[in-house]
């Protein structure tokens, strides 16, 4: 926890806040070894960052005096279209993309996504939020990503994806496509990444028909969470 991220209900007034969450309290004691008088990095959810002076710490709460004076890191200019991963991989991937600065993620169904994945507890809003917050704390960011769910591939690609692509660069990451992944781009981008096993030919064709450019990361076949991290790091 490199950032104490304060929720709206934890503010007492404009300059004071109290946290009672057991996870963060344990982290303050066991990792930070914090004591009253210490100054720690804090941030307001979806707001500014700054410093928090620890005024009091007990087994049940920590009280801070807060000064917020700087913006969080700039977000990546990308909307990630991600075929829904296996539940365990989804949890890790959400933390990674949140830490890396992605602010829009669409989890979509594709042919090789097991239908049972959509029933996973990991897709409950509170679980998604938990993983996103962990990513923000790790990276010292405050802006919570937006997560959208698309459970039917064809209506999404044919009806809702074309407007999203307007004014954006569309990139389709899939093994065997023509172009190597570009580096250090700055334009707003829609990045589509398939499930383990990749997209089927029909899905690749639908993306290419819309104007997506096919890219690859080389000959190695990567796990989804590894591919997501590698692509984002190389592209931006």
C-alpha atoms as a PDB file:
ATOM      1  CA  UNK A   1       0.000   0.000   0.000  1.00  0.00           C
ATOM      2  CA  UNK A   2       2.060   2.930  -1.319  1.00  0.00           C
ATOM      3  CA  UNK A   3      -0.938   5.265  -1.047  1.00  0.00           C
ATOM      4  CA  UNK A   4      -3.604   5.588   1.624  1.00  0.00           C
ATOM      5  CA  UNK A   5      -6.639   6.089  -0.582  1.00  0.00           C
ATOM      6  CA  UNK A   6      -9.415   7.813   1.318  1.00  0.00           C
ATOM      7  CA  UNK A   7     -13.037   7.001   0.526  1.00  0.00           C
ATOM      8  CA  UNK A   8     -15.732   9.729   0.609  1.00  0.00           C
ATOM      9  CA  UNK A   9     -17.245   8.414   3.866  1.00  0.00           C
ATOM     10  CA  UNK A  10     -13.862   8.524   5.635  1.00  0.00           C
ATOM     11  CA  UNK A  11     -13.569  12.323   5.589  1.00  0.00           C
ATOM     12  CA  UNK A  12     -14.491  14.132   8.808  1.00  0.00           C
ATOM     13  CA  UNK A  13     -14.047  17.566   7.246  1.00  0.00           C
ATOM     14  CA  UNK A  14     -11.875  19.160   4.536  1.00  0.00           C
ATOM     15  CA  UNK A  15      -8.601  18.403   6.329  1.00  0.00           C
ATOM     16  CA  UNK A  16      -9.258  15.392   8.586  1.00  0.00           C
ATOM     17  CA  UNK A  17     -10.059  11.758   7.850  1.00  0.00           C
ATOM     18  CA  UNK A  18     -10.392   8.477   9.736  1.00  0.00           C
ATOM     19  CA  UNK A  19      -9.923   4.954   8.379  1.00  0.00           C
ATOM     20  CA  UNK A  20     -11.312   1.867  10.113  1.00  0.00           C
ATOM     21  CA  UNK A  21     -10.707  -0.740   7.422  1.00  0.00           C
ATOM     22  CA  UNK A  22      -8.838  -3.694   9.059  1.00  0.00           C
ATOM     23  CA  UNK A  23      -6.703  -4.364   5.962  1.00  0.00           C
ATOM     24  CA  UNK A  24      -5.281  -0.866   5.810  1.00  0.00           C
ATOM     25  CA  UNK A  25      -4.890  -0.642   9.581  1.00  0.00           C
ATOM     26  CA  UNK A  26      -2.831  -3.849   9.568  1.00  0.00           C
ATOM     27  CA  UNK A  27      -0.717  -2.461   6.746  1.00  0.00           C
ATOM     28  CA  UNK A  28      -0.040   0.737   8.668  1.00  0.00           C
ATOM     29  CA  UNK A  29       1.150  -1.258  11.676  1.00  0.00           C
ATOM     30  CA  UNK A  30       2.897  -4.252  10.085  1.00  0.00           C
ATOM     31  CA  UNK A  31       4.436  -2.690   6.946  1.00  0.00           C
ATOM     32  CA  UNK A  32       4.708   1.053   7.526  1.00  0.00           C
ATOM     33  CA  UNK A  33       5.277   0.591  11.271  1.00  0.00           C
ATOM     34  CA  UNK A  34       3.522   3.923  11.551  1.00  0.00           C
ATOM     35  CA  UNK A  35       3.338   5.926  14.766  1.00  0.00           C
ATOM     36  CA  UNK A  36       1.547   9.223  15.523  1.00  0.00           C
ATOM     37  CA  UNK A  37       3.427  12.110  13.975  1.00  0.00           C
ATOM     38  CA  UNK A  38       4.437  10.189  10.843  1.00  0.00           C
ATOM     39  CA  UNK A  39       3.669  11.732   7.441  1.00  0.00           C
ATOM     40  CA  UNK A  40       2.318   9.340   4.805  1.00  0.00           C
ATOM     41  CA  UNK A  41       1.246   9.627   1.168  1.00  0.00           C
ATOM     42  CA  UNK A  42      -2.532   9.947   0.900  1.00  0.00           C
ATOM     43  CA  UNK A  43      -5.112  10.648  -1.776  1.00  0.00           C
ATOM     44  CA  UNK A  44      -8.818  11.315  -2.132  1.00  0.00           C
ATOM     45  CA  UNK A  45     -10.619   8.802  -4.316  1.00  0.00           C
ATOM     46  CA  UNK A  46     -10.996  10.404  -7.768  1.00  0.00           C
ATOM     47  CA  UNK A  47      -9.307  13.519  -6.400  1.00  0.00           C
ATOM     48  CA  UNK A  48      -5.977  15.044  -5.438  1.00  0.00           C
ATOM     49  CA  UNK A  49      -2.989  13.515  -3.649  1.00  0.00           C
ATOM     50  CA  UNK A  50      -0.842  14.838  -0.828  1.00  0.00           C
ATOM     51  CA  UNK A  51       0.363  14.046   2.688  1.00  0.00           C
ATOM     52  CA  UNK A  52      -1.401  12.838   5.780  1.00  0.00           C
ATOM     53  CA  UNK A  53      -0.044  13.386   9.279  1.00  0.00           C
ATOM     54  CA  UNK A  54      -1.012  10.460  11.487  1.00  0.00           C
ATOM     55  CA  UNK A  55      -2.657  11.951  14.573  1.00  0.00           C
ATOM     56  CA  UNK A  56      -3.739   8.759  16.323  1.00  0.00           C
ATOM     57  CA  UNK A  57      -3.572   5.022  15.704  1.00  0.00           C
ATOM     58  CA  UNK A  58      -5.365   2.220  17.531  1.00  0.00           C
ATOM     59  CA  UNK A  59      -6.560  -1.306  16.783  1.00  0.00           C
ATOM     60  CA  UNK A  60      -9.797   0.105  15.374  1.00  0.00           C
ATOM     61  CA  UNK A  61      -8.962   3.380  13.628  1.00  0.00           C
ATOM     62  CA  UNK A  62      -6.329   5.758  12.321  1.00  0.00           C
ATOM     63  CA  UNK A  63      -6.878   9.534  12.250  1.00  0.00           C
ATOM     64  CA  UNK A  64      -5.074  11.867   9.853  1.00  0.00           C
ATOM     65  CA  UNK A  65      -4.634  15.571   9.218  1.00  0.00           C
ATOM     66  CA  UNK A  66      -4.646  15.890   5.420  1.00  0.00           C
ATOM     67  CA  UNK A  67      -3.024  18.268   2.942  1.00  0.00           C
ATOM     68  CA  UNK A  68      -3.839  17.609  -0.737  1.00  0.00           C
ATOM     69  CA  UNK A  69      -1.784  19.580  -3.240  1.00  0.00           C
ATOM     70  CA  UNK A  70      -1.057  17.602  -6.428  1.00  0.00           C
ATOM     71  CA  UNK A  71      -2.712  15.733  -9.248  1.00  0.00           C
ATOM     72  CA  UNK A  72      -2.475  11.941  -9.591  1.00  0.00           C
ATOM     73  CA  UNK A  73      -0.466  10.440 -12.486  1.00  0.00           C
ATOM     74  CA  UNK A  74      -1.819  10.989 -15.985  1.00  0.00           C
ATOM     75  CA  UNK A  75      -3.957   8.092 -17.268  1.00  0.00           C
ATOM     76  CA  UNK A  76      -2.958   6.021 -20.269  1.00  0.00           C
ATOM     77  CA  UNK A  77      -4.787   7.046 -23.479  1.00  0.00           C
ATOM     78  CA  UNK A  78      -6.302   3.590 -23.905  1.00  0.00           C
ATOM     79  CA  UNK A  79      -9.640   1.816 -23.676  1.00  0.00           C
ATOM     80  CA  UNK A  80      -8.890  -1.860 -23.072  1.00  0.00           C
ATOM     81  CA  UNK A  81     -11.192  -4.446 -24.694  1.00  0.00           C
ATOM     82  CA  UNK A  82     -10.388  -7.652 -22.852  1.00  0.00           C
ATOM     83  CA  UNK A  83     -11.919 -11.077 -23.377  1.00  0.00           C
ATOM     84  CA  UNK A  84     -13.064 -12.173 -19.925  1.00  0.00           C
ATOM     85  CA  UNK A  85     -10.197 -14.142 -18.316  1.00  0.00           C
ATOM     86  CA  UNK A  86     -10.472 -17.021 -15.875  1.00  0.00           C
ATOM     87  CA  UNK A  87     -11.587 -15.719 -12.461  1.00  0.00           C
ATOM     88  CA  UNK A  88      -8.189 -15.963 -10.746  1.00  0.00           C
ATOM     89  CA  UNK A  89      -6.493 -14.326 -13.697  1.00  0.00           C
ATOM     90  CA  UNK A  90      -9.193 -11.647 -13.841  1.00  0.00           C
ATOM     91  CA  UNK A  91      -8.403 -10.558 -10.286  1.00  0.00           C
ATOM     92  CA  UNK A  92      -4.696 -10.152 -10.987  1.00  0.00           C
ATOM     93  CA  UNK A  93      -5.283  -8.521 -14.369  1.00  0.00           C
ATOM     94  CA  UNK A  94      -7.614  -5.894 -12.912  1.00  0.00           C
ATOM     95  CA  UNK A  95      -4.993  -4.978 -10.339  1.00  0.00           C
ATOM     96  CA  UNK A  96      -2.320  -4.722 -13.046  1.00  0.00           C
ATOM     97  CA  UNK A  97      -4.336  -2.522 -15.426  1.00  0.00           C
ATOM     98  CA  UNK A  98      -5.428  -0.272 -12.569  1.00  0.00           C
ATOM     99  CA  UNK A  99      -1.814   0.149 -11.437  1.00  0.00           C
ATOM    100  CA  UNK A 100      -0.658   0.875 -14.995  1.00  0.00           C
ATOM    101  CA  UNK A 101      -3.129   3.726 -15.494  1.00  0.00           C
ATOM    102  CA  UNK A 102      -5.891   2.236 -17.657  1.00  0.00           C
ATOM    103  CA  UNK A 103      -9.167   4.036 -16.947  1.00  0.00           C
ATOM    104  CA  UNK A 104     -11.627   2.259 -19.260  1.00  0.00           C
ATOM    105  CA  UNK A 105     -11.950  -1.504 -19.511  1.00  0.00           C
ATOM    106  CA  UNK A 106     -14.580  -3.517 -21.356  1.00  0.00           C
ATOM    107  CA  UNK A 107     -14.719  -7.189 -20.391  1.00  0.00           C
ATOM    108  CA  UNK A 108     -16.246  -9.021 -23.338  1.00  0.00           C
ATOM    109  CA  UNK A 109     -17.425 -12.477 -24.269  1.00  0.00           C
ATOM    110  CA  UNK A 110     -15.682 -14.356 -27.072  1.00  0.00           C
ATOM    111  CA  UNK A 111     -15.938 -17.900 -28.418  1.00  0.00           C
ATOM    112  CA  UNK A 112     -13.199 -19.278 -26.164  1.00  0.00           C
ATOM    113  CA  UNK A 113     -14.481 -17.635 -22.980  1.00  0.00           C
ATOM    114  CA  UNK A 114     -16.244 -20.206 -20.780  1.00  0.00           C
ATOM    115  CA  UNK A 115     -19.821 -19.095 -20.104  1.00  0.00           C
ATOM    116  CA  UNK A 116     -19.382 -20.083 -16.466  1.00  0.00           C
ATOM    117  CA  UNK A 117     -16.824 -17.281 -16.031  1.00  0.00           C
ATOM    118  CA  UNK A 118     -19.669 -14.759 -16.162  1.00  0.00           C
ATOM    119  CA  UNK A 119     -21.127 -16.279 -12.990  1.00  0.00           C
ATOM    120  CA  UNK A 120     -17.913 -15.849 -10.998  1.00  0.00           C
ATOM    121  CA  UNK A 121     -18.027 -13.923  -7.698  1.00  0.00           C
ATOM    122  CA  UNK A 122     -15.019 -11.998  -9.032  1.00  0.00           C
ATOM    123  CA  UNK A 123     -17.431 -10.093 -11.295  1.00  0.00           C
ATOM    124  CA  UNK A 124     -19.489  -8.740  -8.420  1.00  0.00           C
ATOM    125  CA  UNK A 125     -19.105  -4.948  -8.289  1.00  0.00           C
ATOM    126  CA  UNK A 126     -17.601  -4.984  -4.806  1.00  0.00           C
ATOM    127  CA  UNK A 127     -14.946  -7.537  -5.829  1.00  0.00           C
ATOM    128  CA  UNK A 128     -14.047  -5.613  -8.987  1.00  0.00           C
ATOM    129  CA  UNK A 129     -13.778  -2.427  -6.949  1.00  0.00           C
ATOM    130  CA  UNK A 130     -11.533  -4.136  -4.406  1.00  0.00           C
ATOM    131  CA  UNK A 131      -9.045  -5.217  -7.076  1.00  0.00           C
ATOM    132  CA  UNK A 132      -9.041  -1.804  -8.733  1.00  0.00           C
ATOM    133  CA  UNK A 133      -8.381  -0.080  -5.416  1.00  0.00           C
ATOM    134  CA  UNK A 134      -5.431  -2.380  -4.725  1.00  0.00           C
ATOM    135  CA  UNK A 135      -3.954  -1.372  -8.079  1.00  0.00           C
ATOM    136  CA  UNK A 136      -4.432   2.321  -7.322  1.00  0.00           C
ATOM    137  CA  UNK A 137      -2.797   1.965  -3.902  1.00  0.00           C
ATOM    138  CA  UNK A 138       0.166   0.183  -5.444  1.00  0.00           C
ATOM    139  CA  UNK A 139       0.756   2.826  -8.124  1.00  0.00           C
ATOM    140  CA  UNK A 140      -0.124   5.928  -6.098  1.00  0.00           C
ATOM    141  CA  UNK A 141      -3.124   6.855  -8.210  1.00  0.00           C
ATOM    142  CA  UNK A 142      -6.601   8.012  -7.207  1.00  0.00           C
ATOM    143  CA  UNK A 143      -8.753   7.774 -10.333  1.00  0.00           C
ATOM    144  CA  UNK A 144     -10.914   4.655 -10.282  1.00  0.00           C
ATOM    145  CA  UNK A 145     -11.177   2.867 -13.671  1.00  0.00           C
ATOM    146  CA  UNK A 146     -14.547   2.309 -15.312  1.00  0.00           C
ATOM    147  CA  UNK A 147     -15.408  -1.341 -15.981  1.00  0.00           C
ATOM    148  CA  UNK A 148     -18.052  -2.356 -18.541  1.00  0.00           C
ATOM    149  CA  UNK A 149     -19.362  -5.871 -19.220  1.00  0.00           C
ATOM    150  CA  UNK A 150     -20.339  -7.125 -22.674  1.00  0.00           C
ATOM    151  CA  UNK A 151     -21.725 -10.664 -22.510  1.00  0.00           C
ATOM    152  CA  UNK A 152     -22.536 -11.027 -26.245  1.00  0.00           C
ATOM    153  CA  UNK A 153     -19.775 -10.600 -28.813  1.00  0.00           C
ATOM    154  CA  UNK A 154     -21.688  -9.937 -32.026  1.00  0.00           C
ATOM    155  CA  UNK A 155     -24.040  -7.176 -30.770  1.00  0.00           C
ATOM    156  CA  UNK A 156     -21.117  -5.484 -29.052  1.00  0.00           C
ATOM    157  CA  UNK A 157     -18.837  -5.535 -32.096  1.00  0.00           C
ATOM    158  CA  UNK A 158     -21.533  -4.649 -34.629  1.00  0.00           C
ATOM    159  CA  UNK A 159     -23.573  -2.097 -32.679  1.00  0.00           C
ATOM    160  CA  UNK A 160     -21.608  -0.586 -29.807  1.00  0.00           C
ATOM    161  CA  UNK A 161     -17.988  -0.847 -30.874  1.00  0.00           C
ATOM    162  CA  UNK A 162     -18.068   1.319 -34.052  1.00  0.00           C
ATOM    163  CA  UNK A 163     -18.967   4.536 -32.159  1.00  0.00           C
ATOM    164  CA  UNK A 164     -16.245   3.787 -29.611  1.00  0.00           C
ATOM    165  CA  UNK A 165     -13.709   3.529 -32.427  1.00  0.00           C
ATOM    166  CA  UNK A 166     -14.458   6.987 -33.835  1.00  0.00           C
ATOM    167  CA  UNK A 167     -11.387   9.184 -33.424  1.00  0.00           C
ATOM    168  CA  UNK A 168      -9.401   6.299 -31.928  1.00  0.00           C
ATOM    169  CA  UNK A 169      -6.638   4.026 -33.125  1.00  0.00           C
ATOM    170  CA  UNK A 170      -7.853   0.413 -33.029  1.00  0.00           C
ATOM    171  CA  UNK A 171      -5.272  -2.273 -32.266  1.00  0.00           C
ATOM    172  CA  UNK A 172      -5.995  -5.998 -32.219  1.00  0.00           C
ATOM    173  CA  UNK A 173      -3.370  -8.038 -30.366  1.00  0.00           C
ATOM    174  CA  UNK A 174      -3.319 -11.621 -31.623  1.00  0.00           C
ATOM    175  CA  UNK A 175      -0.531 -14.137 -32.357  1.00  0.00           C
ATOM    176  CA  UNK A 176       0.385 -14.418 -36.019  1.00  0.00           C
ATOM    177  CA  UNK A 177      -0.936 -11.053 -37.187  1.00  0.00           C
ATOM    178  CA  UNK A 178       1.165  -8.993 -39.539  1.00  0.00           C
ATOM    179  CA  UNK A 179       2.712  -6.137 -37.607  1.00  0.00           C
ATOM    180  CA  UNK A 180       4.916  -6.129 -34.526  1.00  0.00           C
ATOM    181  CA  UNK A 181       3.556  -4.145 -31.604  1.00  0.00           C
ATOM    182  CA  UNK A 182       4.441  -0.448 -32.024  1.00  0.00           C
ATOM    183  CA  UNK A 183       6.148   1.511 -29.271  1.00  0.00           C
ATOM    184  CA  UNK A 184       5.490   4.734 -27.383  1.00  0.00           C
ATOM    185  CA  UNK A 185       2.306   5.822 -29.123  1.00  0.00           C
ATOM    186  CA  UNK A 186       0.400   8.826 -27.805  1.00  0.00           C
ATOM    187  CA  UNK A 187      -2.910   8.814 -29.667  1.00  0.00           C
ATOM    188  CA  UNK A 188      -6.143   7.576 -28.033  1.00  0.00           C
ATOM    189  CA  UNK A 189      -6.325   3.825 -28.581  1.00  0.00           C
ATOM    190  CA  UNK A 190      -8.769   0.943 -28.395  1.00  0.00           C
ATOM    191  CA  UNK A 191      -6.722  -2.164 -27.596  1.00  0.00           C
ATOM    192  CA  UNK A 192      -8.391  -5.572 -28.013  1.00  0.00           C
ATOM    193  CA  UNK A 193      -6.854  -8.622 -26.301  1.00  0.00           C
ATOM    194  CA  UNK A 194      -8.294 -12.112 -26.543  1.00  0.00           C
ATOM    195  CA  UNK A 195      -8.607 -14.975 -24.055  1.00  0.00           C
ATOM    196  CA  UNK A 196      -6.158 -17.801 -23.489  1.00  0.00           C
ATOM    197  CA  UNK A 197      -6.186 -19.577 -26.839  1.00  0.00           C
ATOM    198  CA  UNK A 198      -6.767 -16.281 -28.639  1.00  0.00           C
ATOM    199  CA  UNK A 199      -9.619 -15.040 -30.792  1.00  0.00           C
ATOM    200  CA  UNK A 200     -11.189 -17.367 -33.356  1.00  0.00           C
ATOM    201  CA  UNK A 201     -10.873 -16.413 -37.040  1.00  0.00           C
ATOM    202  CA  UNK A 202     -14.394 -14.987 -37.203  1.00  0.00           C
ATOM    203  CA  UNK A 203     -13.650 -12.612 -34.320  1.00  0.00           C
ATOM    204  CA  UNK A 204     -10.370 -11.487 -35.853  1.00  0.00           C
ATOM    205  CA  UNK A 205     -12.159 -10.764 -39.123  1.00  0.00           C
ATOM    206  CA  UNK A 206     -14.842  -8.684 -37.385  1.00  0.00           C
ATOM    207  CA  UNK A 207     -12.232  -6.474 -35.709  1.00  0.00           C
ATOM    208  CA  UNK A 208     -10.228  -6.061 -38.916  1.00  0.00           C
ATOM    209  CA  UNK A 209     -13.382  -5.176 -40.870  1.00  0.00           C
ATOM    210  CA  UNK A 210     -13.999  -2.308 -38.443  1.00  0.00           C
ATOM    211  CA  UNK A 211     -10.526  -0.926 -39.098  1.00  0.00           C
ATOM    212  CA  UNK A 212      -8.503  -2.427 -36.280  1.00  0.00           C
ATOM    213  CA  UNK A 213      -4.834  -2.976 -37.049  1.00  0.00           C
ATOM    214  CA  UNK A 214      -3.500  -6.433 -36.216  1.00  0.00           C
ATOM    215  CA  UNK A 215      -0.379  -6.561 -34.031  1.00  0.00           C
ATOM    216  CA  UNK A 216       1.641  -9.239 -32.250  1.00  0.00           C
ATOM    217  CA  UNK A 217       4.271  -9.581 -29.512  1.00  0.00           C
ATOM    218  CA  UNK A 218       6.409 -12.170 -31.264  1.00  0.00           C
ATOM    219  CA  UNK A 219       6.421 -15.958 -31.330  1.00  0.00           C
ATOM    220  CA  UNK A 220       5.907 -16.567 -27.625  1.00  0.00           C
ATOM    221  CA  UNK A 221       2.410 -17.421 -26.421  1.00  0.00           C
ATOM    222  CA  UNK A 222       1.763 -15.494 -23.207  1.00  0.00           C
ATOM    223  CA  UNK A 223      -0.761 -15.726 -20.412  1.00  0.00           C
ATOM    224  CA  UNK A 224      -3.403 -13.019 -20.581  1.00  0.00           C
ATOM    225  CA  UNK A 225      -2.129 -11.090 -17.564  1.00  0.00           C
ATOM    226  CA  UNK A 226       1.414 -11.167 -18.977  1.00  0.00           C
ATOM    227  CA  UNK A 227       0.270 -10.095 -22.442  1.00  0.00           C
ATOM    228  CA  UNK A 228      -1.773  -7.211 -21.038  1.00  0.00           C
ATOM    229  CA  UNK A 229       1.177  -5.885 -19.043  1.00  0.00           C
ATOM    230  CA  UNK A 230       3.645  -6.345 -21.908  1.00  0.00           C
ATOM    231  CA  UNK A 231       1.395  -4.631 -24.456  1.00  0.00           C
ATOM    232  CA  UNK A 232       0.614  -1.642 -22.246  1.00  0.00           C
ATOM    233  CA  UNK A 233       4.266  -1.204 -21.310  1.00  0.00           C
ATOM    234  CA  UNK A 234       5.400  -1.305 -24.928  1.00  0.00           C
ATOM    235  CA  UNK A 235       2.595   0.776 -26.412  1.00  0.00           C
ATOM    236  CA  UNK A 236       2.577   3.622 -23.898  1.00  0.00           C
END
